Amino acid sequence: MTSDLMNIPGIGVRMSNHLIKAGFPTIASLRGHSPEDIYAADCLAQGLGEGELDRCVLYTYRLAVTYANHNGELPADKQNWWDWKD
């Protein structure tokens, strides 16, 4: 399954499917949500406990939510998922 999520830098087929399964099937569905809550929903959707997915997934969701909330714009120094680490 594909969606417009793959327009977000760092979101490919696998991450898109994670988001869809967690209840976030489009860029618009990410708007206004906390990346931490999306990460928690993804953990549960994967049958894992909270925080059991690789933290890189959370960093990707931070980028994705910012992208969604700012109409596809990202800060110049935050273009990659690894730029969103703790």
Protein backbone atom coordinates (compact mmCIF):
# COMPACT_ATOMS: atom_id res chain seq x y z
CA MET A 1 0.00 0.00 0.00
CA THR A 2 1.31 3.43 -0.85
CA SER A 3 0.21 6.88 0.20
CA ASP A 4 1.35 10.48 0.08
CA LEU A 5 3.43 9.70 3.19
CA MET A 6 6.24 8.68 0.85
CA ASN A 7 6.58 12.34 -0.18
CA ILE A 8 8.11 12.97 3.25
CA PRO A 9 11.93 12.72 3.28
CA GLY A 10 12.97 9.49 4.97
CA ILE A 11 9.58 7.78 4.57
CA GLY A 12 9.69 4.86 2.21
CA VAL A 13 7.38 1.90 1.73
CA ARG A 14 8.24 0.28 5.06
CA MET A 15 7.81 3.40 7.20
CA SER A 16 4.68 4.35 5.27
CA ASN A 17 3.19 0.95 6.09
CA HIS A 18 4.13 1.40 9.77
CA LEU A 19 2.29 4.73 9.86
CA ILE A 20 -0.76 3.38 8.05
CA LYS A 21 -0.99 0.40 10.42
CA ALA A 22 -0.69 2.79 13.40
CA GLY A 23 -3.64 4.83 12.10
CA PHE A 24 -1.87 7.61 10.20
CA PRO A 25 -2.53 6.92 6.50
CA THR A 26 -1.79 10.38 5.07
CA ILE A 27 0.34 13.45 5.64
CA ALA A 28 -2.79 15.30 6.77
CA SER A 29 -3.43 12.64 9.44
CA LEU A 30 -0.08 13.49 11.08
CA ARG A 31 -0.92 17.17 11.58
CA GLY A 32 -1.29 18.25 15.17
CA HIS A 33 -0.14 14.93 16.61
CA SER A 34 2.82 14.36 18.86
CA PRO A 35 5.65 12.33 17.29
CA GLU A 36 5.95 10.52 20.62
CA ASP A 37 2.27 9.51 20.50
CA ILE A 38 2.64 8.31 16.91
CA TYR A 39 5.71 6.31 17.94
CA ALA A 40 3.76 4.75 20.84
CA ALA A 41 0.85 3.90 18.50
CA ASP A 42 3.30 2.30 16.08
CA CYS A 43 4.86 0.21 18.86
CA LEU A 44 1.40 -1.05 19.83
CA ALA A 45 0.40 -1.67 16.20
CA GLN A 46 3.53 -3.80 15.78
CA GLY A 47 2.63 -5.82 18.89
CA LEU A 48 5.50 -4.34 20.88
CA GLY A 49 5.66 -2.58 24.20
CA GLU A 50 6.00 1.18 24.30
CA GLY A 51 9.51 2.21 23.31
CA GLU A 52 10.49 -1.16 21.85
CA LEU A 53 10.89 0.07 18.26
CA ASP A 54 14.25 1.48 17.27
CA ARG A 55 14.55 5.13 18.37
CA CYS A 56 15.36 6.02 14.76
CA VAL A 57 11.64 5.50 14.09
CA LEU A 58 10.82 8.24 16.61
CA TYR A 59 13.33 10.59 14.97
CA THR A 60 11.70 9.91 11.60
CA TYR A 61 8.28 10.72 13.08
CA ARG A 62 9.62 14.00 14.44
CA LEU A 63 10.66 14.95 10.92
CA ALA A 64 7.35 13.71 9.46
CA VAL A 65 5.16 15.67 11.88
CA THR A 66 7.15 18.84 11.31
CA TYR A 67 6.82 18.31 7.55
CA ALA A 68 3.06 17.80 7.90
CA ASN A 69 2.55 20.77 10.22
CA HIS A 70 4.54 23.14 7.99
CA ASN A 71 3.16 22.25 4.54
CA GLY A 72 6.21 20.30 3.46
CA GLU A 73 8.78 22.74 4.79
CA LEU A 74 11.62 21.59 7.03
CA PRO A 75 14.28 23.71 8.74
CA ALA A 76 17.45 23.92 6.64
CA ASP A 77 19.45 22.11 9.32
CA LYS A 78 16.83 19.35 9.84
CA GLN A 79 16.43 17.68 6.43
CA ASN A 80 17.26 14.10 7.54
CA TRP A 81 15.82 11.82 10.22
CA TRP A 82 19.14 11.74 12.11
CA ASP A 83 18.95 15.52 12.52
CA TRP A 84 16.01 14.91 14.91
CA LYS A 85 17.87 12.81 17.51
CA ASP A 86 17.57 13.60 21.21
